[in-house]
């Protein structure tokens, strides 16, 4: 809805904003848009259709963002 057509983007979701009114099948998400290298380029709050989301099969964390001892897991 926000982009006036189909435009895919990769979003690192940091929160589901469940305190906002929605319609059946729609949700508000807060997160960071990731570029092709996996770097955050912009913070966004998006109103999206849940059925249109495609979870990544693996989480990629750039080396400079990793903390020692941090675990990186595949998405369910």
PDB file of N, CA and C in Angstrom:
ATOM      1  N   UNK A   1       0.814  -1.191   0.000  1.00  0.00           N
ATOM      2  CA  UNK A   1       0.000   0.000   0.000  1.00  0.00           C
ATOM      3  C   UNK A   1       0.861   1.260   0.000  1.00  0.00           C
ATOM      4  N   UNK A   2       1.931   1.280   0.776  1.00  0.00           N
ATOM      5  CA  UNK A   2       2.718   2.499   0.894  1.00  0.00           C
ATOM      6  C   UNK A   2       3.524   2.819  -0.359  1.00  0.00           C
ATOM      7  N   UNK A   3       3.799   1.823  -1.181  1.00  0.00           N
ATOM      8  CA  UNK A   3       4.718   2.030  -2.285  1.00  0.00           C
ATOM      9  C   UNK A   3       4.027   2.111  -3.632  1.00  0.00           C
ATOM     10  N   UNK A   4       2.712   2.027  -3.684  1.00  0.00           N
ATOM     11  CA  UNK A   4       1.985   2.182  -4.937  1.00  0.00           C
ATOM     12  C   UNK A   4       2.288   1.105  -5.946  1.00  0.00           C
ATOM     13  N   UNK A   5       2.361  -0.107  -5.534  1.00  0.00           N
ATOM     14  CA  UNK A   5       2.640  -1.209  -6.448  1.00  0.00           C
ATOM     15  C   UNK A   5       3.468  -2.256  -5.748  1.00  0.00           C
ATOM     16  N   UNK A   6       3.895  -3.236  -6.505  1.00  0.00           N
ATOM     17  CA  UNK A   6       4.682  -4.304  -5.905  1.00  0.00           C
ATOM     18  C   UNK A   6       6.149  -3.903  -5.883  1.00  0.00           C
ATOM     19  N   UNK A   7       6.689  -3.835  -4.693  1.00  0.00           N
ATOM     20  CA  UNK A   7       8.106  -3.526  -4.511  1.00  0.00           C
ATOM     21  C   UNK A   7       8.600  -4.328  -3.327  1.00  0.00           C
ATOM     22  N   UNK A   8       9.450  -5.291  -3.600  1.00  0.00           N
ATOM     23  CA  UNK A   8       9.969  -6.127  -2.520  1.00  0.00           C
ATOM     24  C   UNK A   8      11.086  -5.398  -1.793  1.00  0.00           C
ATOM     25  N   UNK A   9      11.166  -5.610  -0.498  1.00  0.00           N
ATOM     26  CA  UNK A   9      12.290  -5.117   0.270  1.00  0.00           C
ATOM     27  C   UNK A   9      12.567  -6.098   1.382  1.00  0.00           C
ATOM     28  N   UNK A  10      13.788  -6.072   1.860  1.00  0.00           N
ATOM     29  CA  UNK A  10      14.177  -6.932   2.971  1.00  0.00           C
ATOM     30  C   UNK A  10      14.154  -6.086   4.232  1.00  0.00           C
ATOM     31  N   UNK A  11      13.424  -6.565   5.223  1.00  0.00           N
ATOM     32  CA  UNK A  11      13.228  -5.820   6.462  1.00  0.00           C
ATOM     33  C   UNK A  11      13.662  -6.665   7.642  1.00  0.00           C
ATOM     34  N   UNK A  12      14.533  -6.126   8.477  1.00  0.00           N
ATOM     35  CA  UNK A  12      14.866  -6.778   9.748  1.00  0.00           C
ATOM     36  C   UNK A  12      13.811  -6.305  10.735  1.00  0.00           C
ATOM     37  N   UNK A  13      12.888  -7.176  11.082  1.00  0.00           N
ATOM     38  CA  UNK A  13      11.775  -6.806  11.961  1.00  0.00           C
ATOM     39  C   UNK A  13      12.271  -6.724  13.398  1.00  0.00           C
ATOM     40  N   UNK A  14      11.982  -5.598  14.042  1.00  0.00           N
ATOM     41  CA  UNK A  14      12.355  -5.426  15.440  1.00  0.00           C
ATOM     42  C   UNK A  14      11.133  -5.415  16.356  1.00  0.00           C
ATOM     43  N   UNK A  15       9.943  -5.201  15.772  1.00  0.00           N
ATOM     44  CA  UNK A  15       8.734  -5.193  16.594  1.00  0.00           C
ATOM     45  C   UNK A  15       7.492  -5.358  15.729  1.00  0.00           C
ATOM     46  N   UNK A  16       6.504  -6.028  16.303  1.00  0.00           N
ATOM     47  CA  UNK A  16       5.158  -6.053  15.743  1.00  0.00           C
ATOM     48  C   UNK A  16       4.372  -5.039  16.547  1.00  0.00           C
ATOM     49  N   UNK A  17       3.828  -4.042  15.859  1.00  0.00           N
ATOM     50  CA  UNK A  17       3.137  -2.946  16.530  1.00  0.00           C
ATOM     51  C   UNK A  17       1.660  -3.313  16.688  1.00  0.00           C
ATOM     52  N   UNK A  18       1.382  -4.131  17.693  1.00  0.00           N
ATOM     53  CA  UNK A  18       0.023  -4.658  17.862  1.00  0.00           C
ATOM     54  C   UNK A  18      -0.916  -3.726  18.615  1.00  0.00           C
ATOM     55  N   UNK A  19      -0.451  -2.520  18.937  1.00  0.00           N
ATOM     56  CA  UNK A  19      -1.312  -1.551  19.616  1.00  0.00           C
ATOM     57  C   UNK A  19      -2.028  -0.632  18.623  1.00  0.00           C
ATOM     58  N   UNK A  20      -1.845  -0.868  17.321  1.00  0.00           N
ATOM     59  CA  UNK A  20      -2.459  -0.030  16.284  1.00  0.00           C
ATOM     60  C   UNK A  20      -3.632  -0.768  15.643  1.00  0.00           C
ATOM     61  N   UNK A  21      -4.643  -0.026  15.227  1.00  0.00           N
ATOM     62  CA  UNK A  21      -5.789  -0.676  14.570  1.00  0.00           C
ATOM     63  C   UNK A  21      -5.387  -1.228  13.199  1.00  0.00           C
ATOM     64  N   UNK A  22      -5.917  -2.390  12.861  1.00  0.00           N
ATOM     65  CA  UNK A  22      -5.628  -3.030  11.572  1.00  0.00           C
ATOM     66  C   UNK A  22      -6.894  -3.652  11.016  1.00  0.00           C
ATOM     67  N   UNK A  23      -6.773  -4.247   9.862  1.00  0.00           N
ATOM     68  CA  UNK A  23      -7.829  -5.039   9.257  1.00  0.00           C
ATOM     69  C   UNK A  23      -7.416  -6.499   9.333  1.00  0.00           C
ATOM     70  N   UNK A  24      -8.372  -7.396   9.167  1.00  0.00           N
ATOM     71  CA  UNK A  24      -8.083  -8.827   9.199  1.00  0.00           C
ATOM     72  C   UNK A  24      -7.021  -9.167   8.161  1.00  0.00           C
ATOM     73  N   UNK A  25      -5.942  -9.834   8.590  1.00  0.00           N
ATOM     74  CA  UNK A  25      -4.875 -10.238   7.685  1.00  0.00           C
ATOM     75  C   UNK A  25      -3.777  -9.211   7.498  1.00  0.00           C
ATOM     76  N   UNK A  26      -3.884  -8.058   8.144  1.00  0.00           N
ATOM     77  CA  UNK A  26      -2.889  -6.991   8.036  1.00  0.00           C
ATOM     78  C   UNK A  26      -2.213  -6.778   9.380  1.00  0.00           C
ATOM     79  N   UNK A  27      -0.932  -6.365   9.369  1.00  0.00           N
ATOM     80  CA  UNK A  27      -0.208  -6.077  10.610  1.00  0.00           C
ATOM     81  C   UNK A  27       0.718  -4.877  10.392  1.00  0.00           C
ATOM     82  N   UNK A  28       1.047  -4.231  11.495  1.00  0.00           N
ATOM     83  CA  UNK A  28       2.047  -3.161  11.496  1.00  0.00           C
ATOM     84  C   UNK A  28       3.367  -3.759  11.965  1.00  0.00           C
ATOM     85  N   UNK A  29       4.464  -3.479  11.229  1.00  0.00           N
ATOM     86  CA  UNK A  29       5.794  -3.934  11.611  1.00  0.00           C
ATOM     87  C   UNK A  29       6.727  -2.733  11.715  1.00  0.00           C
ATOM     88  N   UNK A  30       7.668  -2.807  12.631  1.00  0.00           N
ATOM     89  CA  UNK A  30       8.737  -1.816  12.720  1.00  0.00           C
ATOM     90  C   UNK A  30      10.047  -2.549  12.484  1.00  0.00           C
ATOM     91  N   UNK A  31      10.935  -1.925  11.728  1.00  0.00           N
ATOM     92  CA  UNK A  31      12.210  -2.569  11.475  1.00  0.00           C
ATOM     93  C   UNK A  31      13.127  -1.723  10.629  1.00  0.00           C
ATOM     94  N   UNK A  32      14.177  -2.357  10.154  1.00  0.00           N
ATOM     95  CA  UNK A  32      15.193  -1.694   9.358  1.00  0.00           C
ATOM     96  C   UNK A  32      15.254  -2.314   7.965  1.00  0.00           C
ATOM     97  N   UNK A  33      15.228  -1.478   6.936  1.00  0.00           N
ATOM     98  CA  UNK A  33      15.379  -1.930   5.558  1.00  0.00           C
ATOM     99  C   UNK A  33      16.846  -2.295   5.367  1.00  0.00           C
ATOM    100  N   UNK A  34      17.101  -3.477   4.775  1.00  0.00           N
ATOM    101  CA  UNK A  34      18.461  -3.945   4.539  1.00  0.00           C
ATOM    102  C   UNK A  34      18.821  -3.840   3.065  1.00  0.00           C
ATOM    103  N   UNK A  35      20.061  -3.459   2.800  1.00  0.00           N
ATOM    104  CA  UNK A  35      20.531  -3.406   1.416  1.00  0.00           C
ATOM    105  C   UNK A  35      21.040  -4.792   1.003  1.00  0.00           C
ATOM    106  N   UNK A  36      21.606  -4.901  -0.190  1.00  0.00           N
ATOM    107  CA  UNK A  36      22.076  -6.187  -0.717  1.00  0.00           C
ATOM    108  C   UNK A  36      23.187  -6.797   0.136  1.00  0.00           C
ATOM    109  N   UNK A  37      23.907  -5.964   0.893  1.00  0.00           N
ATOM    110  CA  UNK A  37      24.986  -6.458   1.760  1.00  0.00           C
ATOM    111  C   UNK A  37      24.484  -6.826   3.156  1.00  0.00           C
ATOM    112  N   UNK A  38      23.192  -6.610   3.416  1.00  0.00           N
ATOM    113  CA  UNK A  38      22.634  -6.901   4.726  1.00  0.00           C
ATOM    114  C   UNK A  38      22.774  -5.771   5.718  1.00  0.00           C
ATOM    115  N   UNK A  39      23.135  -4.580   5.232  1.00  0.00           N
ATOM    116  CA  UNK A  39      23.300  -3.419   6.113  1.00  0.00           C
ATOM    117  C   UNK A  39      22.003  -2.623   6.206  1.00  0.00           C
ATOM    118  N   UNK A  40      21.683  -2.166   7.393  1.00  0.00           N
ATOM    119  CA  UNK A  40      20.480  -1.366   7.600  1.00  0.00           C
ATOM    120  C   UNK A  40      20.650  -0.004   6.938  1.00  0.00           C
ATOM    121  N   UNK A  41      19.667   0.388   6.136  1.00  0.00           N
ATOM    122  CA  UNK A  41      19.751   1.669   5.431  1.00  0.00           C
ATOM    123  C   UNK A  41      18.691   2.661   5.875  1.00  0.00           C
ATOM    124  N   UNK A  42      17.605   2.178   6.476  1.00  0.00           N
ATOM    125  CA  UNK A  42      16.508   3.079   6.844  1.00  0.00           C
ATOM    126  C   UNK A  42      15.608   2.380   7.857  1.00  0.00           C
ATOM    127  N   UNK A  43      15.087   3.124   8.821  1.00  0.00           N
ATOM    128  CA  UNK A  43      14.109   2.576   9.772  1.00  0.00           C
ATOM    129  C   UNK A  43      12.724   2.847   9.205  1.00  0.00           C
ATOM    130  N   UNK A  44      11.859   1.840   9.250  1.00  0.00           N
ATOM    131  CA  UNK A  44      10.510   1.972   8.702  1.00  0.00           C
ATOM    132  C   UNK A  44       9.483   1.345   9.621  1.00  0.00           C
ATOM    133  N   UNK A  45       8.274   1.872   9.548  1.00  0.00           N
ATOM    134  CA  UNK A  45       7.085   1.238  10.118  1.00  0.00           C
ATOM    135  C   UNK A  45       6.178   0.964   8.935  1.00  0.00           C
ATOM    136  N   UNK A  46       5.822  -0.292   8.738  1.00  0.00           N
ATOM    137  CA  UNK A  46       5.064  -0.706   7.557  1.00  0.00           C
ATOM    138  C   UNK A  46       3.758  -1.363   7.943  1.00  0.00           C
ATOM    139  N   UNK A  47       2.728  -1.088   7.174  1.00  0.00           N
ATOM    140  CA  UNK A  47       1.421  -1.729   7.295  1.00  0.00           C
ATOM    141  C   UNK A  47       1.354  -2.728   6.155  1.00  0.00           C
ATOM    142  N   UNK A  48       1.408  -4.016   6.465  1.00  0.00           N
ATOM    143  CA  UNK A  48       1.547  -5.043   5.436  1.00  0.00           C
ATOM    144  C   UNK A  48       0.515  -6.160   5.599  1.00  0.00           C
ATOM    145  N   UNK A  49       0.258  -6.847   4.489  1.00  0.00           N
ATOM    146  CA  UNK A  49      -0.563  -8.050   4.555  1.00  0.00           C
ATOM    147  C   UNK A  49       0.325  -9.190   5.024  1.00  0.00           C
ATOM    148  N   UNK A  50      -0.088  -9.863   6.068  1.00  0.00           N
ATOM    149  CA  UNK A  50       0.696 -10.959   6.619  1.00  0.00           C
ATOM    150  C   UNK A  50       0.972 -12.019   5.553  1.00  0.00           C
ATOM    151  N   UNK A  51       0.002 -12.304   4.707  1.00  0.00           N
ATOM    152  CA  UNK A  51       0.155 -13.329   3.672  1.00  0.00           C
ATOM    153  C   UNK A  51       1.212 -12.952   2.636  1.00  0.00           C
ATOM    154  N   UNK A  52       1.560 -11.683   2.532  1.00  0.00           N
ATOM    155  CA  UNK A  52       2.546 -11.246   1.557  1.00  0.00           C
ATOM    156  C   UNK A  52       3.981 -11.286   2.050  1.00  0.00           C
ATOM    157  N   UNK A  53       4.179 -11.671   3.311  1.00  0.00           N
ATOM    158  CA  UNK A  53       5.531 -11.717   3.871  1.00  0.00           C
ATOM    159  C   UNK A  53       6.214 -13.033   3.513  1.00  0.00           C
ATOM    160  N   UNK A  54       7.499 -12.956   3.259  1.00  0.00           N
ATOM    161  CA  UNK A  54       8.305 -14.134   2.938  1.00  0.00           C
ATOM    162  C   UNK A  54       9.514 -14.145   3.860  1.00  0.00           C
ATOM    163  N   UNK A  55       9.477 -14.966   4.933  1.00  0.00           N
ATOM    164  CA  UNK A  55      10.617 -14.980   5.858  1.00  0.00           C
ATOM    165  C   UNK A  55      11.864 -15.541   5.187  1.00  0.00           C
ATOM    166  N   UNK A  56      13.010 -15.011   5.554  1.00  0.00           N
ATOM    167  CA  UNK A  56      14.276 -15.536   5.054  1.00  0.00           C
ATOM    168  C   UNK A  56      14.559 -16.867   5.725  1.00  0.00           C
ATOM    169  N   UNK A  57      15.289 -17.728   5.034  1.00  0.00           N
ATOM    170  CA  UNK A  57      15.612 -19.030   5.614  1.00  0.00           C
ATOM    171  C   UNK A  57      16.821 -18.957   6.527  1.00  0.00           C
ATOM    172  N   UNK A  58      17.624 -17.898   6.410  1.00  0.00           N
ATOM    173  CA  UNK A  58      18.792 -17.744   7.280  1.00  0.00           C
ATOM    174  C   UNK A  58      18.970 -16.269   7.608  1.00  0.00           C
ATOM    175  N   UNK A  59      19.513 -16.034   8.755  1.00  0.00           N
ATOM    176  CA  UNK A  59      19.803 -14.667   9.168  1.00  0.00           C
ATOM    177  C   UNK A  59      21.268 -14.394   8.842  1.00  0.00           C
ATOM    178  N   UNK A  60      21.527 -13.319   8.108  1.00  0.00           N
ATOM    179  CA  UNK A  60      22.895 -12.945   7.764  1.00  0.00           C
ATOM    180  C   UNK A  60      23.232 -11.674   8.528  1.00  0.00           C
ATOM    181  N   UNK A  61      24.254 -11.744   9.351  1.00  0.00           N
ATOM    182  CA  UNK A  61      24.682 -10.591  10.133  1.00  0.00           C
ATOM    183  C   UNK A  61      26.061 -10.175   9.636  1.00  0.00           C
ATOM    184  N   UNK A  62      26.212  -8.947   9.128  1.00  0.00           N
ATOM    185  CA  UNK A  62      27.535  -8.500   8.673  1.00  0.00           C
ATOM    186  C   UNK A  62      28.569  -8.619   9.788  1.00  0.00           C
ATOM    187  N   UNK A  63      29.812  -8.933   9.426  1.00  0.00           N
ATOM    188  CA  UNK A  63      30.875  -9.184  10.402  1.00  0.00           C
ATOM    189  C   UNK A  63      31.049  -8.027  11.380  1.00  0.00           C
ATOM    190  N   UNK A  64      30.953  -6.785  10.902  1.00  0.00           N
ATOM    191  CA  UNK A  64      31.183  -5.651  11.798  1.00  0.00           C
ATOM    192  C   UNK A  64      30.035  -5.434  12.786  1.00  0.00           C
ATOM    193  N   UNK A  65      28.921  -6.142  12.603  1.00  0.00           N
ATOM    194  CA  UNK A  65      27.778  -6.010  13.513  1.00  0.00           C
ATOM    195  C   UNK A  65      27.722  -7.141  14.539  1.00  0.00           C
ATOM    196  N   UNK A  66      28.567  -8.144  14.375  1.00  0.00           N
ATOM    197  CA  UNK A  66      28.530  -9.297  15.275  1.00  0.00           C
ATOM    198  C   UNK A  66      29.206  -8.964  16.597  1.00  0.00           C
ATOM    199  N   UNK A  67      28.639  -9.521  17.664  1.00  0.00           N
ATOM    200  CA  UNK A  67      29.216  -9.393  18.994  1.00  0.00           C
ATOM    201  C   UNK A  67      29.823 -10.736  19.356  1.00  0.00           C
ATOM    202  N   UNK A  68      30.895 -10.741  20.085  1.00  0.00           N
ATOM    203  CA  UNK A  68      31.494 -12.019  20.472  1.00  0.00           C
ATOM    204  C   UNK A  68      30.501 -12.796  21.325  1.00  0.00           C
ATOM    205  N   UNK A  69      30.361 -14.048  21.010  1.00  0.00           N
ATOM    206  CA  UNK A  69      29.448 -14.903  21.756  1.00  0.00           C
ATOM    207  C   UNK A  69      28.016 -14.850  21.277  1.00  0.00           C
ATOM    208  N   UNK A  70      27.704 -13.994  20.297  1.00  0.00           N
ATOM    209  CA  UNK A  70      26.337 -13.888  19.806  1.00  0.00           C
ATOM    210  C   UNK A  70      26.023 -15.077  18.919  1.00  0.00           C
ATOM    211  N   UNK A  71      24.845 -15.601  19.047  1.00  0.00           N
ATOM    212  CA  UNK A  71      24.419 -16.727  18.232  1.00  0.00           C
ATOM    213  C   UNK A  71      23.609 -16.212  17.044  1.00  0.00           C
ATOM    214  N   UNK A  72      23.861 -16.800  15.882  1.00  0.00           N
ATOM    215  CA  UNK A  72      23.088 -16.490  14.688  1.00  0.00           C
ATOM    216  C   UNK A  72      22.328 -17.755  14.336  1.00  0.00           C
ATOM    217  N   UNK A  73      21.020 -17.650  14.251  1.00  0.00           N
ATOM    218  CA  UNK A  73      20.180 -18.829  14.024  1.00  0.00           C
ATOM    219  C   UNK A  73      19.412 -18.698  12.736  1.00  0.00           C
ATOM    220  N   UNK A  74      19.064 -19.836  12.172  1.00  0.00           N
ATOM    221  CA  UNK A  74      18.177 -19.842  11.013  1.00  0.00           C
ATOM    222  C   UNK A  74      16.779 -19.511  11.477  1.00  0.00           C
ATOM    223  N   UNK A  75      16.037 -18.835  10.620  1.00  0.00           N
ATOM    224  CA  UNK A  75      14.645 -18.538  10.934  1.00  0.00           C
ATOM    225  C   UNK A  75      13.843 -19.824  10.901  1.00  0.00           C
ATOM    226  N   UNK A  76      12.778 -19.930  11.704  1.00  0.00           N
ATOM    227  CA  UNK A  76      11.974 -21.154  11.723  1.00  0.00           C
ATOM    228  C   UNK A  76      11.274 -21.401  10.406  1.00  0.00           C
TER     229      UNK A  76
END
